[in-house]
PDB file of N, CA and C in Angstrom:
ATOM      1  N   MET A   1       0.591  -1.264   0.154  1.00  0.00           N
ATOM      2  CA  MET A   1      -0.430   0.330   0.010  1.00  0.00           C
ATOM      3  C   MET A   1       0.878   0.967  -0.084  1.00  0.00           C
ATOM      4  N   LYS A   2       1.737   1.128   0.548  1.00  0.00           N
ATOM      5  CA  LYS A   2       2.937   2.551   0.660  1.00  0.00           C
ATOM      6  C   LYS A   2       3.394   2.481  -0.723  1.00  0.00           C
ATOM      7  N   GLY A   3       3.419   1.668  -1.657  1.00  0.00           N
ATOM      8  CA  GLY A   3       3.876   1.998  -2.954  1.00  0.00           C
ATOM      9  C   GLY A   3       3.287   2.607  -3.686  1.00  0.00           C
ATOM     10  N   THR A   4       2.251   3.654  -3.439  1.00  0.00           N
ATOM     11  CA  THR A   4       1.435   4.509  -4.451  1.00  0.00           C
ATOM     12  C   THR A   4       2.222   5.523  -3.870  1.00  0.00           C
ATOM     13  N   GLY A   5       3.037   5.925  -2.922  1.00  0.00           N
ATOM     14  CA  GLY A   5       3.805   6.969  -2.720  1.00  0.00           C
ATOM     15  C   GLY A   5       3.150   8.486  -3.577  1.00  0.00           C
ATOM     16  N   GLY A   6       2.382   8.897  -3.482  1.00  0.00           N
ATOM     17  CA  GLY A   6       1.862   9.894  -4.053  1.00  0.00           C
ATOM     18  C   GLY A   6       1.952  10.577  -5.642  1.00  0.00           C
ATOM     19  N   SER A   7       1.561   8.926  -6.024  1.00  0.00           N
ATOM     20  CA  SER A   7       1.803   9.453  -7.622  1.00  0.00           C
ATOM     21  C   SER A   7       0.452   9.820  -7.804  1.00  0.00           C
ATOM     22  N   LEU A   8      -0.529   9.459  -7.560  1.00  0.00           N
ATOM     23  CA  LEU A   8      -2.021  10.199  -7.796  1.00  0.00           C
ATOM     24  C   LEU A   8      -2.202  11.420  -7.280  1.00  0.00           C
ATOM     25  N   ALA A   9      -1.481  12.123  -6.271  1.00  0.00           N
ATOM     26  CA  ALA A   9      -1.447  13.477  -5.718  1.00  0.00           C
ATOM     27  C   ALA A   9      -0.151  13.958  -6.656  1.00  0.00           C
ATOM     28  N   GLY A  10       0.475  13.654  -7.539  1.00  0.00           N
ATOM     29  CA  GLY A  10       1.408  14.366  -8.248  1.00  0.00           C
ATOM     30  C   GLY A  10       0.597  14.371 -10.144  1.00  0.00           C
ATOM     31  N   ALA A  11      -0.163  13.317  -9.875  1.00  0.00           N
ATOM     32  CA  ALA A  11      -0.999  13.255 -11.119  1.00  0.00           C
ATOM     33  C   ALA A  11      -2.006  14.595 -11.253  1.00  0.00           C
ATOM     34  N   THR A  12      -2.439  14.828 -10.296  1.00  0.00           N
ATOM     35  CA  THR A  12      -3.703  15.555 -10.379  1.00  0.00           C
ATOM     36  C   THR A  12      -3.649  16.755  -9.229  1.00  0.00           C
ATOM     37  N   ALA A  13      -1.505  17.393  -9.888  1.00  0.00           N
ATOM     38  CA  ALA A  13      -1.611  18.739  -9.376  1.00  0.00           C
ATOM     39  C   ALA A  13      -1.174  18.763  -8.110  1.00  0.00           C
ATOM     40  N   GLU A  14      -1.770  17.762  -7.367  1.00  0.00           N
ATOM     41  CA  GLU A  14      -1.778  18.024  -5.756  1.00  0.00           C
ATOM     42  C   GLU A  14      -3.070  18.554  -5.431  1.00  0.00           C
ATOM     43  N   ARG A  15      -3.720  18.179  -6.216  1.00  0.00           N
ATOM     44  CA  ARG A  15      -5.055  18.458  -5.655  1.00  0.00           C
ATOM     45  C   ARG A  15      -5.603  17.194  -5.143  1.00  0.00           C
ATOM     46  N   VAL A  16      -5.529  15.916  -5.210  1.00  0.00           N
ATOM     47  CA  VAL A  16      -5.608  15.170  -4.355  1.00  0.00           C
ATOM     48  C   VAL A  16      -4.159  14.783  -3.886  1.00  0.00           C
ATOM     49  N   SER A  17      -4.594  14.995  -1.911  1.00  0.00           N
ATOM     50  CA  SER A  17      -3.314  15.055  -1.249  1.00  0.00           C
ATOM     51  C   SER A  17      -2.789  13.267  -1.187  1.00  0.00           C
ATOM     52  N   ALA A  18      -1.543  12.831  -0.665  1.00  0.00           N
ATOM     53  CA  ALA A  18      -1.184  11.638  -0.634  1.00  0.00           C
ATOM     54  C   ALA A  18      -1.896  11.136   0.440  1.00  0.00           C
ATOM     55  N   ARG A  19      -2.429  11.467   1.482  1.00  0.00           N
ATOM     56  CA  ARG A  19      -3.593  11.183   2.789  1.00  0.00           C
ATOM     57  C   ARG A  19      -4.569  10.504   1.937  1.00  0.00           C
ATOM     58  N   VAL A  20      -5.262  11.170   1.168  1.00  0.00           N
ATOM     59  CA  VAL A  20      -6.705  10.632   0.170  1.00  0.00           C
ATOM     60  C   VAL A  20      -6.403   9.765  -0.567  1.00  0.00           C
ATOM     61  N   GLU A  21      -5.221   9.741  -0.864  1.00  0.00           N
ATOM     62  CA  GLU A  21      -4.730   8.133  -1.719  1.00  0.00           C
ATOM     63  C   GLU A  21      -4.657   7.475  -1.010  1.00  0.00           C
ATOM     64  N   PHE A  22      -4.142   7.183   0.193  1.00  0.00           N
ATOM     65  CA  PHE A  22      -3.588   6.495   0.827  1.00  0.00           C
ATOM     66  C   PHE A  22      -4.696   5.680   0.902  1.00  0.00           C
ATOM     67  N   ILE A  23      -5.922   6.173   1.802  1.00  0.00           N
ATOM     68  CA  ILE A  23      -7.103   5.618   2.047  1.00  0.00           C
ATOM     69  C   ILE A  23      -8.033   5.159   1.017  1.00  0.00           C
ATOM     70  N   ALA A  24      -7.919   5.793  -0.461  1.00  0.00           N
ATOM     71  CA  ALA A  24      -8.634   4.961  -1.259  1.00  0.00           C
ATOM     72  C   ALA A  24      -7.883   4.016  -1.640  1.00  0.00           C
ATOM     73  N   THR A  25      -6.291   4.151  -1.950  1.00  0.00           N
ATOM     74  CA  THR A  25      -5.846   2.805  -2.145  1.00  0.00           C
ATOM     75  C   THR A  25      -6.048   1.761  -1.196  1.00  0.00           C
ATOM     76  N   SER A  26      -6.137   1.998  -0.210  1.00  0.00           N
ATOM     77  CA  SER A  26      -6.773   0.805   1.383  1.00  0.00           C
ATOM     78  C   SER A  26      -8.170   0.526   0.894  1.00  0.00           C
ATOM     79  N   VAL A  27      -9.171   1.192   0.634  1.00  0.00           N
ATOM     80  CA  VAL A  27     -10.152   0.865   0.334  1.00  0.00           C
ATOM     81  C   VAL A  27     -10.401  -0.352  -0.769  1.00  0.00           C
ATOM     82  N   VAL A  28     -10.154   0.445  -1.803  1.00  0.00           N
ATOM     83  CA  VAL A  28      -9.424  -0.331  -3.159  1.00  0.00           C
ATOM     84  C   VAL A  28      -9.182  -2.109  -2.952  1.00  0.00           C
ATOM     85  N   ALA A  29      -7.955  -1.816  -1.818  1.00  0.00           N
ATOM     86  CA  ALA A  29      -7.452  -3.484  -1.933  1.00  0.00           C
ATOM     87  C   ALA A  29      -8.384  -3.892  -0.914  1.00  0.00           C
ATOM     88  N   LEU A  30      -9.194  -3.385   0.096  1.00  0.00           N
ATOM     89  CA  LEU A  30      -9.657  -4.576   0.948  1.00  0.00           C
ATOM     90  C   LEU A  30     -11.375  -4.490   0.291  1.00  0.00           C
ATOM     91  N   ALA A  31     -11.506  -3.948  -0.621  1.00  0.00           N
ATOM     92  CA  ALA A  31     -12.767  -4.069  -1.138  1.00  0.00           C
ATOM     93  C   ALA A  31     -12.503  -5.604  -2.504  1.00  0.00           C
ATOM     94  N   ILE A  32     -11.273  -5.313  -2.965  1.00  0.00           N
ATOM     95  CA  ILE A  32     -10.621  -6.032  -3.564  1.00  0.00           C
ATOM     96  C   ILE A  32     -10.562  -7.723  -2.798  1.00  0.00           C
ATOM     97  N   LYS A  33      -9.753  -7.437  -1.786  1.00  0.00           N
ATOM     98  CA  LYS A  33      -9.919  -8.926  -0.755  1.00  0.00           C
ATOM     99  C   LYS A  33     -11.164  -9.370  -0.479  1.00  0.00           C
ATOM    100  N   TRP A  34     -12.681  -8.352  -0.334  1.00  0.00           N
ATOM    101  CA  TRP A  34     -13.474  -9.460   0.534  1.00  0.00           C
ATOM    102  C   TRP A  34     -14.139  -9.567  -1.096  1.00  0.00           C
ATOM    103  N   PHE A  35     -14.194  -8.929  -1.879  1.00  0.00           N
ATOM    104  CA  PHE A  35     -15.556  -9.252  -3.032  1.00  0.00           C
ATOM    105  C   PHE A  35     -14.549  -9.856  -4.304  1.00  0.00           C
ATOM    106  N   ALA A  36     -13.317 -10.101  -4.575  1.00  0.00           N
ATOM    107  CA  ALA A  36     -13.264 -11.037  -5.429  1.00  0.00           C
ATOM    108  C   ALA A  36     -12.350 -11.802  -5.669  1.00  0.00           C
ATOM    109  N   ASP A  37     -11.910 -13.109  -6.594  1.00  0.00           N
ATOM    110  CA  ASP A  37     -11.512 -14.030  -6.192  1.00  0.00           C
ATOM    111  C   ASP A  37      -9.808 -14.012  -6.288  1.00  0.00           C
ATOM    112  N   ILE A  38      -8.964 -13.953  -5.236  1.00  0.00           N
ATOM    113  CA  ILE A  38      -7.485 -13.811  -4.809  1.00  0.00           C
ATOM    114  C   ILE A  38      -6.637 -14.349  -6.361  1.00  0.00           C
ATOM    115  N   TYR A  39      -7.422 -15.847  -6.099  1.00  0.00           N
ATOM    116  CA  TYR A  39      -7.123 -16.902  -7.044  1.00  0.00           C
ATOM    117  C   TYR A  39      -6.984 -16.333  -8.655  1.00  0.00           C
ATOM    118  N   GLN A  40      -7.674 -15.863  -8.787  1.00  0.00           N
ATOM    119  CA  GLN A  40      -8.037 -15.605 -10.476  1.00  0.00           C
ATOM    120  C   GLN A  40      -7.072 -13.809 -10.535  1.00  0.00           C
ATOM    121  N   ILE A  41      -6.977 -12.703  -9.385  1.00  0.00           N
ATOM    122  CA  ILE A  41      -6.086 -11.907  -9.648  1.00  0.00           C
ATOM    123  C   ILE A  41      -4.771 -12.415  -9.740  1.00  0.00           C
ATOM    124  N   ILE A  42      -4.748 -13.781  -8.780  1.00  0.00           N
ATOM    125  CA  ILE A  42      -3.036 -14.036  -8.750  1.00  0.00           C
ATOM    126  C   ILE A  42      -2.813 -14.275 -10.386  1.00  0.00           C
ATOM    127  N   MET A  43      -3.512 -15.236 -10.732  1.00  0.00           N
ATOM    128  CA  MET A  43      -3.691 -16.439 -12.179  1.00  0.00           C
ATOM    129  C   MET A  43      -3.547 -14.906 -13.121  1.00  0.00           C
ATOM    130  N   ASP A  44      -4.300 -14.075 -12.861  1.00  0.00           N
ATOM    131  CA  ASP A  44      -4.532 -12.683 -14.327  1.00  0.00           C
ATOM    132  C   ASP A  44      -3.326 -12.222 -13.965  1.00  0.00           C
ATOM    133  N   ALA A  45      -2.665 -11.576 -13.083  1.00  0.00           N
ATOM    134  CA  ALA A  45      -1.419 -11.039 -12.563  1.00  0.00           C
ATOM    135  C   ALA A  45       0.131 -12.014 -13.244  1.00  0.00           C
ATOM    136  N   SER A  46      -0.443 -13.099 -13.263  1.00  0.00           N
ATOM    137  CA  SER A  46       1.294 -13.913 -13.253  1.00  0.00           C
ATOM    138  C   SER A  46       1.258 -13.997 -15.077  1.00  0.00           C
ATOM    139  N   ARG A  47      -0.233 -14.175 -15.922  1.00  0.00           N
ATOM    140  CA  ARG A  47      -0.014 -14.255 -17.185  1.00  0.00           C
ATOM    141  C   ARG A  47       0.228 -12.812 -17.672  1.00  0.00           C
ATOM    142  N   GLY A  48      -0.118 -11.618 -17.333  1.00  0.00           N
ATOM    143  CA  GLY A  48       0.439 -10.482 -17.577  1.00  0.00           C
ATOM    144  C   GLY A  48       1.930 -10.183 -17.461  1.00  0.00           C
ATOM    145  N   PHE A  49       2.716 -10.993 -16.282  1.00  0.00           N
ATOM    146  CA  PHE A  49       3.806 -10.887 -16.268  1.00  0.00           C
ATOM    147  C   PHE A  49       4.879 -11.713 -17.495  1.00  0.00           C
ATOM    148  N   ALA A  50       3.864 -13.163 -17.515  1.00  0.00           N
ATOM    149  CA  ALA A  50       4.780 -13.850 -18.700  1.00  0.00           C
ATOM    150  C   ALA A  50       4.180 -12.519 -20.003  1.00  0.00           C
ATOM    151  N   VAL A  51       3.633 -12.605 -20.294  1.00  0.00           N
ATOM    152  CA  VAL A  51       3.150 -11.457 -21.735  1.00  0.00           C
ATOM    153  C   VAL A  51       4.519 -10.110 -21.401  1.00  0.00           C
ATOM    154  N   TYR A  52       4.117  -9.884 -20.345  1.00  0.00           N
ATOM    155  CA  TYR A  52       5.724  -8.932 -20.632  1.00  0.00           C
ATOM    156  C   TYR A  52       7.013  -9.261 -20.861  1.00  0.00           C
ATOM    157  N   TYR A  53       7.318 -10.557 -19.929  1.00  0.00           N
ATOM    158  CA  TYR A  53       8.843 -10.938 -20.531  1.00  0.00           C
ATOM    159  C   TYR A  53       8.965 -11.542 -21.379  1.00  0.00           C
ATOM    160  N   ALA A  54       8.008 -12.043 -22.082  1.00  0.00           N
ATOM    161  CA  ALA A  54       7.521 -12.656 -23.416  1.00  0.00           C
ATOM    162  C   ALA A  54       8.000 -11.363 -24.694  1.00  0.00           C
ATOM    163  N   LEU A  55       7.749 -10.226 -24.165  1.00  0.00           N
ATOM    164  CA  LEU A  55       7.545  -9.170 -25.399  1.00  0.00           C
ATOM    165  C   LEU A  55       9.683  -8.532 -24.986  1.00  0.00           C
ATOM    166  N   GLN A  56       9.670  -8.928 -23.728  1.00  0.00           N
ATOM    167  CA  GLN A  56      11.228  -8.711 -23.382  1.00  0.00           C
ATOM    168  C   GLN A  56      12.027  -9.077 -23.863  1.00  0.00           C
ATOM    169  N   CYS A  57      11.764 -10.856 -23.783  1.00  0.00           N
ATOM    170  CA  CYS A  57      12.663 -11.523 -24.759  1.00  0.00           C
ATOM    171  C   CYS A  57      12.693 -11.680 -25.898  1.00  0.00           C
ATOM    172  N   SER A  58      11.670 -11.265 -26.423  1.00  0.00           N
ATOM    173  CA  SER A  58      11.618 -11.299 -28.275  1.00  0.00           C
ATOM    174  C   SER A  58      12.400  -9.868 -28.736  1.00  0.00           C
ATOM    175  N   LEU A  59      12.007  -8.768 -27.596  1.00  0.00           N
ATOM    176  CA  LEU A  59      13.140  -7.745 -28.054  1.00  0.00           C
ATOM    177  C   LEU A  59      14.554  -7.793 -28.091  1.00  0.00           C
ATOM    178  N   ALA A  60      14.945  -8.707 -26.996  1.00  0.00           N
ATOM    179  CA  ALA A  60      16.071  -8.713 -26.574  1.00  0.00           C
ATOM    180  C   ALA A  60      16.862  -9.622 -27.685  1.00  0.00           C
ATOM    181  N   ALA A  61      16.055 -10.467 -28.238  1.00  0.00           N
ATOM    182  CA  ALA A  61      16.206 -11.222 -29.130  1.00  0.00           C
ATOM    183  C   ALA A  61      16.824 -10.771 -30.519  1.00  0.00           C
ATOM    184  N   LEU A  62      16.089  -9.856 -30.625  1.00  0.00           N
ATOM    185  CA  LEU A  62      16.288  -9.445 -32.033  1.00  0.00           C
ATOM    186  C   LEU A  62      17.085  -8.558 -32.070  1.00  0.00           C
ATOM    187  N   VAL A  63      17.521  -7.801 -30.415  1.00  0.00           N
ATOM    188  CA  VAL A  63      18.569  -6.784 -30.452  1.00  0.00           C
ATOM    189  C   VAL A  63      19.821  -7.890 -30.510  1.00  0.00           C
ATOM    190  N   ALA A  64      20.144  -9.136 -29.699  1.00  0.00           N
ATOM    191  CA  ALA A  64      21.226  -9.793 -29.780  1.00  0.00           C
ATOM    192  C   ALA A  64      22.096  -9.985 -30.985  1.00  0.00           C
ATOM    193  N   SER A  65      21.120 -10.541 -31.619  1.00  0.00           N
ATOM    194  CA  SER A  65      21.551 -10.683 -32.762  1.00  0.00           C
ATOM    195  C   SER A  65      21.612 -10.404 -34.182  1.00  0.00           C
ATOM    196  N   ARG A  66      21.714  -8.903 -33.607  1.00  0.00           N
ATOM    197  CA  ARG A  66      22.262  -7.945 -34.849  1.00  0.00           C
ATOM    198  C   ARG A  66      23.639  -7.383 -35.291  1.00  0.00           C
ATOM    199  N   PRO A  67      24.224  -6.971 -34.167  1.00  0.00           N
ATOM    200  CA  PRO A  67      25.447  -6.765 -34.859  1.00  0.00           C
ATOM    201  C   PRO A  67      26.739  -7.818 -35.020  1.00  0.00           C
ATOM    202  N   ASP A  68      26.750  -8.704 -34.190  1.00  0.00           N
ATOM    203  CA  ASP A  68      27.994  -9.828 -34.576  1.00  0.00           C
ATOM    204  C   ASP A  68      27.209 -11.180 -34.490  1.00  0.00           C
ATOM    205  N   PRO A  69      27.298 -11.474 -35.585  1.00  0.00           N
ATOM    206  CA  PRO A  69      26.596 -12.487 -35.642  1.00  0.00           C
ATOM    207  C   PRO A  69      26.827 -13.814 -35.077  1.00  0.00           C
ATOM    208  N   HIS A  70      27.747 -14.026 -34.533  1.00  0.00           N
ATOM    209  CA  HIS A  70      28.860 -15.088 -34.142  1.00  0.00           C
ATOM    210  C   HIS A  70      28.693 -15.049 -32.614  1.00  0.00           C
ATOM    211  N   LEU A  71      28.904 -14.256 -32.091  1.00  0.00           N
ATOM    212  CA  LEU A  71      28.874 -13.903 -30.624  1.00  0.00           C
ATOM    213  C   LEU A  71      27.141 -13.776 -30.380  1.00  0.00           C
ATOM    214  N   ASN A  72      26.651 -12.917 -30.550  1.00  0.00           N
ATOM    215  CA  ASN A  72      25.181 -12.712 -30.501  1.00  0.00           C
ATOM    216  C   ASN A  72      24.139 -13.708 -30.998  1.00  0.00           C
ATOM    217  N   LEU A  73      24.225 -14.742 -31.533  1.00  0.00           N
ATOM    218  CA  LEU A  73      23.710 -15.498 -32.551  1.00  0.00           C
ATOM    219  C   LEU A  73      23.297 -16.050 -31.232  1.00  0.00           C
ATOM    220  N   VAL A  74      23.962 -17.158 -30.521  1.00  0.00           N
ATOM    221  CA  VAL A  74      23.485 -17.859 -29.549  1.00  0.00           C
ATOM    222  C   VAL A  74      22.701 -17.014 -28.574  1.00  0.00           C
ATOM    223  N   ARG A  75      23.236 -15.930 -27.725  1.00  0.00           N
ATOM    224  CA  ARG A  75      22.179 -14.953 -27.313  1.00  0.00           C
ATOM    225  C   ARG A  75      20.836 -14.846 -27.805  1.00  0.00           C
ATOM    226  N   GLY A  76      21.065 -14.682 -29.315  1.00  0.00           N
ATOM    227  CA  GLY A  76      19.286 -14.334 -29.687  1.00  0.00           C
ATOM    228  C   GLY A  76      18.983 -15.748 -29.796  1.00  0.00           C
ATOM    229  N   LEU A  77      19.224 -16.901 -29.525  1.00  0.00           N
ATOM    230  CA  LEU A  77      18.797 -17.903 -30.402  1.00  0.00           C
ATOM    231  C   LEU A  77      17.975 -18.504 -28.120  1.00  0.00           C
ATOM    232  N   LEU A  78      19.062 -17.913 -27.371  1.00  0.00           N
ATOM    233  CA  LEU A  78      18.628 -18.074 -25.905  1.00  0.00           C
ATOM    234  C   LEU A  78      17.198 -17.482 -25.786  1.00  0.00           C
ATOM    235  N   PHE A  79      17.236 -16.241 -26.170  1.00  0.00           N
ATOM    236  CA  PHE A  79      15.990 -15.503 -25.996  1.00  0.00           C
ATOM    237  C   PHE A  79      14.775 -15.672 -26.446  1.00  0.00           C
ATOM    238  N   ALA A  80      15.217 -16.535 -27.874  1.00  0.00           N
ATOM    239  CA  ALA A  80      14.185 -16.598 -29.043  1.00  0.00           C
ATOM    240  C   ALA A  80      13.726 -17.934 -28.125  1.00  0.00           C
ATOM    241  N   ILE A  81      14.565 -18.535 -27.684  1.00  0.00           N
ATOM    242  CA  ILE A  81      13.801 -20.134 -26.545  1.00  0.00           C
ATOM    243  C   ILE A  81      12.934 -19.218 -25.504  1.00  0.00           C
ATOM    244  N   GLY A  82      13.636 -18.460 -24.653  1.00  0.00           N
ATOM    245  CA  GLY A  82      12.983 -18.033 -23.622  1.00  0.00           C
ATOM    246  C   GLY A  82      11.846 -17.296 -23.977  1.00  0.00           C
ATOM    247  N   THR A  83      11.073 -16.739 -25.386  1.00  0.00           N
ATOM    248  CA  THR A  83      10.040 -15.893 -25.320  1.00  0.00           C
ATOM    249  C   THR A  83       8.964 -17.678 -25.420  1.00  0.00           C
ATOM    250  N   GLY A  84       9.674 -18.482 -26.233  1.00  0.00           N
ATOM    251  CA  GLY A  84       8.727 -19.500 -26.493  1.00  0.00           C
ATOM    252  C   GLY A  84       8.153 -20.340 -25.512  1.00  0.00           C
ATOM    253  N   LEU A  85       9.138 -20.209 -24.379  1.00  0.00           N
ATOM    254  CA  LEU A  85       8.731 -20.798 -23.061  1.00  0.00           C
ATOM    255  C   LEU A  85       7.760 -19.996 -22.025  1.00  0.00           C
ATOM    256  N   LEU A  86       7.956 -18.995 -22.673  1.00  0.00           N
ATOM    257  CA  LEU A  86       6.760 -18.064 -21.869  1.00  0.00           C
ATOM    258  C   LEU A  86       5.527 -17.685 -22.314  1.00  0.00           C
ATOM    259  N   ILE A  87       5.462 -18.151 -24.210  1.00  0.00           N
ATOM    260  CA  ILE A  87       4.329 -18.170 -24.684  1.00  0.00           C
ATOM    261  C   ILE A  87       3.599 -19.727 -24.248  1.00  0.00           C
ATOM    262  N   LEU A  88       4.639 -20.462 -24.136  1.00  0.00           N
ATOM    263  CA  LEU A  88       4.042 -21.814 -23.469  1.00  0.00           C
ATOM    264  C   LEU A  88       3.543 -22.036 -22.308  1.00  0.00           C
ATOM    265  N   VAL A  89       3.820 -21.543 -21.469  1.00  0.00           N
ATOM    266  CA  VAL A  89       3.120 -20.915 -20.184  1.00  0.00           C
ATOM    267  C   VAL A  89       1.426 -20.028 -20.075  1.00  0.00           C
ATOM    268  N   LEU A  90       1.919 -19.549 -20.955  1.00  0.00           N
ATOM    269  CA  LEU A  90       0.843 -18.681 -21.192  1.00  0.00           C
ATOM    270  C   LEU A  90      -0.520 -19.394 -21.770  1.00  0.00           C
ATOM    271  N   ILE A  91      -0.219 -20.522 -22.765  1.00  0.00           N
ATOM    272  CA  ILE A  91      -1.073 -21.424 -23.281  1.00  0.00           C
ATOM    273  C   ILE A  91      -1.370 -22.299 -22.002  1.00  0.00           C
ATOM    274  N   PHE A  92      -0.466 -22.921 -21.716  1.00  0.00           N
ATOM    275  CA  PHE A  92      -0.654 -24.589 -21.092  1.00  0.00           C
ATOM    276  C   PHE A  92      -0.868 -24.904 -19.433  1.00  0.00           C
ATOM    277  N   GLY A  93      -0.040 -22.836 -18.731  1.00  0.00           N
ATOM    278  CA  GLY A  93      -0.029 -22.799 -17.349  1.00  0.00           C
ATOM    279  C   GLY A  93      -1.373 -23.122 -16.665  1.00  0.00           C
ATOM    280  N   LEU A  94      -1.334 -23.861 -16.052  1.00  0.00           N
ATOM    281  CA  LEU A  94      -2.167 -24.290 -15.034  1.00  0.00           C
ATOM    282  C   LEU A  94      -2.468 -23.706 -13.559  1.00  0.00           C
ATOM    283  N   PRO A  95      -3.506 -23.264 -13.409  1.00  0.00           N
ATOM    284  CA  PRO A  95      -3.561 -22.987 -11.426  1.00  0.00           C
ATOM    285  C   PRO A  95      -2.504 -23.803 -10.851  1.00  0.00           C
ATOM    286  N   ALA A  96      -2.078 -23.690  -9.394  1.00  0.00           N
ATOM    287  CA  ALA A  96      -1.349 -23.883  -8.004  1.00  0.00           C
ATOM    288  C   ALA A  96      -2.537 -25.197  -8.135  1.00  0.00           C
ATOM    289  N   ASP A  97      -3.782 -24.725  -8.130  1.00  0.00           N
ATOM    290  CA  ASP A  97      -4.924 -25.784  -7.043  1.00  0.00           C
ATOM    291  C   ASP A  97      -4.952 -26.706  -8.250  1.00  0.00           C
ATOM    292  N   GLY A  98      -4.870 -26.961  -9.511  1.00  0.00           N
ATOM    293  CA  GLY A  98      -5.259 -27.931 -10.405  1.00  0.00           C
ATOM    294  C   GLY A  98      -6.506 -27.836 -11.335  1.00  0.00           C
ATOM    295  N   GLY A  99      -6.928 -25.964 -11.031  1.00  0.00           N
ATOM    296  CA  GLY A  99      -8.442 -25.700 -11.609  1.00  0.00           C
ATOM    297  C   GLY A  99      -8.221 -25.284 -12.588  1.00  0.00           C
TER     298      GLY A  99
END
């Protein structure tokens, strides 16, 4: 919760105080905890991280395979394998409870 750190206050030119932002963040977090399926939220967040890192790996594969084809080709292939593995996680990943 402390991670909000005044970001809303900064985005609204201090019209919203950090104190109000902290209270609002706390209320939203409690509402999510009480009314949402926490396991679904964790599963969606995990898939989001997998998408993000797959994009990072694919970008790294493109960058690594450019300048020096001998040394960087291996790095590019490793990043491409990482991208493929992350895509497999997205497609075939199951929740820990088996559902």
